[in-house]
């Protein structure tokens, strides 16, 4: 996820990336943000939260709430 994010951002800096992951560590989330992801959500999140994350990232806003809250 992180390496692909870096590559995609190099190819298209305006791409909006939301990472859907099984990792719930702050360290991995920080790496995703530094790589250029606009959002990061755990695979076990509710569908309503996933929808909100997608809408947020599509609006060029950051979505890292579920991991930070936990």
C-alpha atoms as a PDB file:
ATOM      1  CA  UNK A   1       0.000   0.000   0.000  1.00  0.00           C
ATOM      2  CA  UNK A   2       2.662   2.521   0.977  1.00  0.00           C
ATOM      3  CA  UNK A   3       4.969   1.764  -1.962  1.00  0.00           C
ATOM      4  CA  UNK A   4       2.075   1.847  -4.408  1.00  0.00           C
ATOM      5  CA  UNK A   5       0.905   5.158  -2.962  1.00  0.00           C
ATOM      6  CA  UNK A   6       4.351   6.651  -3.519  1.00  0.00           C
ATOM      7  CA  UNK A   7       4.454   5.395  -7.112  1.00  0.00           C
ATOM      8  CA  UNK A   8       0.949   6.592  -7.917  1.00  0.00           C
ATOM      9  CA  UNK A   9       1.619  10.040  -6.454  1.00  0.00           C
ATOM     10  CA  UNK A  10       4.760  10.329  -8.602  1.00  0.00           C
ATOM     11  CA  UNK A  11       2.769   9.455 -11.725  1.00  0.00           C
ATOM     12  CA  UNK A  12      -0.193  11.659 -10.846  1.00  0.00           C
ATOM     13  CA  UNK A  13       0.329  14.096  -7.940  1.00  0.00           C
ATOM     14  CA  UNK A  14      -3.367  15.048  -7.907  1.00  0.00           C
ATOM     15  CA  UNK A  15      -4.598  11.465  -7.395  1.00  0.00           C
ATOM     16  CA  UNK A  16      -6.668  10.948  -4.263  1.00  0.00           C
ATOM     17  CA  UNK A  17      -5.727   7.821  -2.345  1.00  0.00           C
ATOM     18  CA  UNK A  18      -7.689   6.151   0.443  1.00  0.00           C
ATOM     19  CA  UNK A  19      -5.934   3.177   2.004  1.00  0.00           C
ATOM     20  CA  UNK A  20      -8.174   0.332   3.168  1.00  0.00           C
ATOM     21  CA  UNK A  21      -6.044  -1.798   5.463  1.00  0.00           C
ATOM     22  CA  UNK A  22      -5.844  -4.487   8.106  1.00  0.00           C
ATOM     23  CA  UNK A  23      -3.086  -2.564   9.900  1.00  0.00           C
ATOM     24  CA  UNK A  24      -4.198  -0.480  12.845  1.00  0.00           C
ATOM     25  CA  UNK A  25      -0.877   0.990  13.899  1.00  0.00           C
ATOM     26  CA  UNK A  26      -0.246   4.710  14.121  1.00  0.00           C
ATOM     27  CA  UNK A  27       3.189   4.096  12.582  1.00  0.00           C
ATOM     28  CA  UNK A  28       1.734   2.591   9.393  1.00  0.00           C
ATOM     29  CA  UNK A  29      -0.912   5.311   9.219  1.00  0.00           C
ATOM     30  CA  UNK A  30       1.798   7.977   9.503  1.00  0.00           C
ATOM     31  CA  UNK A  31       3.752   6.352   6.675  1.00  0.00           C
ATOM     32  CA  UNK A  32       0.609   6.324   4.520  1.00  0.00           C
ATOM     33  CA  UNK A  33       0.091  10.034   5.168  1.00  0.00           C
ATOM     34  CA  UNK A  34       3.735  10.828   4.420  1.00  0.00           C
ATOM     35  CA  UNK A  35       3.466   8.830   1.182  1.00  0.00           C
ATOM     36  CA  UNK A  36       0.580  11.030   0.087  1.00  0.00           C
ATOM     37  CA  UNK A  37      -2.576   9.151   1.050  1.00  0.00           C
ATOM     38  CA  UNK A  38      -5.496  11.393   1.940  1.00  0.00           C
ATOM     39  CA  UNK A  39      -7.210   8.730   3.966  1.00  0.00           C
ATOM     40  CA  UNK A  40      -6.667   5.573   5.936  1.00  0.00           C
ATOM     41  CA  UNK A  41      -9.403   3.257   7.162  1.00  0.00           C
ATOM     42  CA  UNK A  42      -9.440  -0.188   8.732  1.00  0.00           C
ATOM     43  CA  UNK A  43     -11.065  -3.088   6.846  1.00  0.00           C
ATOM     44  CA  UNK A  44     -13.306  -3.803   9.843  1.00  0.00           C
ATOM     45  CA  UNK A  45     -14.909  -0.356   9.698  1.00  0.00           C
ATOM     46  CA  UNK A  46     -18.627  -0.006   9.209  1.00  0.00           C
ATOM     47  CA  UNK A  47     -19.896   0.619   5.678  1.00  0.00           C
ATOM     48  CA  UNK A  48     -21.159   4.044   6.750  1.00  0.00           C
ATOM     49  CA  UNK A  49     -17.653   5.009   7.853  1.00  0.00           C
ATOM     50  CA  UNK A  50     -16.171   3.738   4.588  1.00  0.00           C
ATOM     51  CA  UNK A  51     -18.680   5.833   2.639  1.00  0.00           C
ATOM     52  CA  UNK A  52     -17.775   8.876   4.721  1.00  0.00           C
ATOM     53  CA  UNK A  53     -14.059   8.237   4.151  1.00  0.00           C
ATOM     54  CA  UNK A  54     -14.568   7.991   0.389  1.00  0.00           C
ATOM     55  CA  UNK A  55     -16.636  11.183   0.277  1.00  0.00           C
ATOM     56  CA  UNK A  56     -14.071  12.999   2.421  1.00  0.00           C
ATOM     57  CA  UNK A  57     -11.112  11.973   0.260  1.00  0.00           C
ATOM     58  CA  UNK A  58     -13.018  12.818  -2.931  1.00  0.00           C
ATOM     59  CA  UNK A  59     -13.439  16.308  -1.447  1.00  0.00           C
ATOM     60  CA  UNK A  60      -9.637  16.611  -1.083  1.00  0.00           C
ATOM     61  CA  UNK A  61      -9.879  16.394   2.692  1.00  0.00           C
ATOM     62  CA  UNK A  62      -8.045  14.079   5.073  1.00  0.00           C
ATOM     63  CA  UNK A  63      -9.701  11.062   6.652  1.00  0.00           C
ATOM     64  CA  UNK A  64      -7.712   9.308   9.365  1.00  0.00           C
ATOM     65  CA  UNK A  65     -10.333   9.369  12.135  1.00  0.00           C
ATOM     66  CA  UNK A  66     -10.970   5.746  13.069  1.00  0.00           C
ATOM     67  CA  UNK A  67      -7.326   4.869  13.698  1.00  0.00           C
ATOM     68  CA  UNK A  68      -6.569   8.101  15.545  1.00  0.00           C
ATOM     69  CA  UNK A  69      -9.657   7.701  17.725  1.00  0.00           C
ATOM     70  CA  UNK A  70      -8.749   4.166  18.711  1.00  0.00           C
END
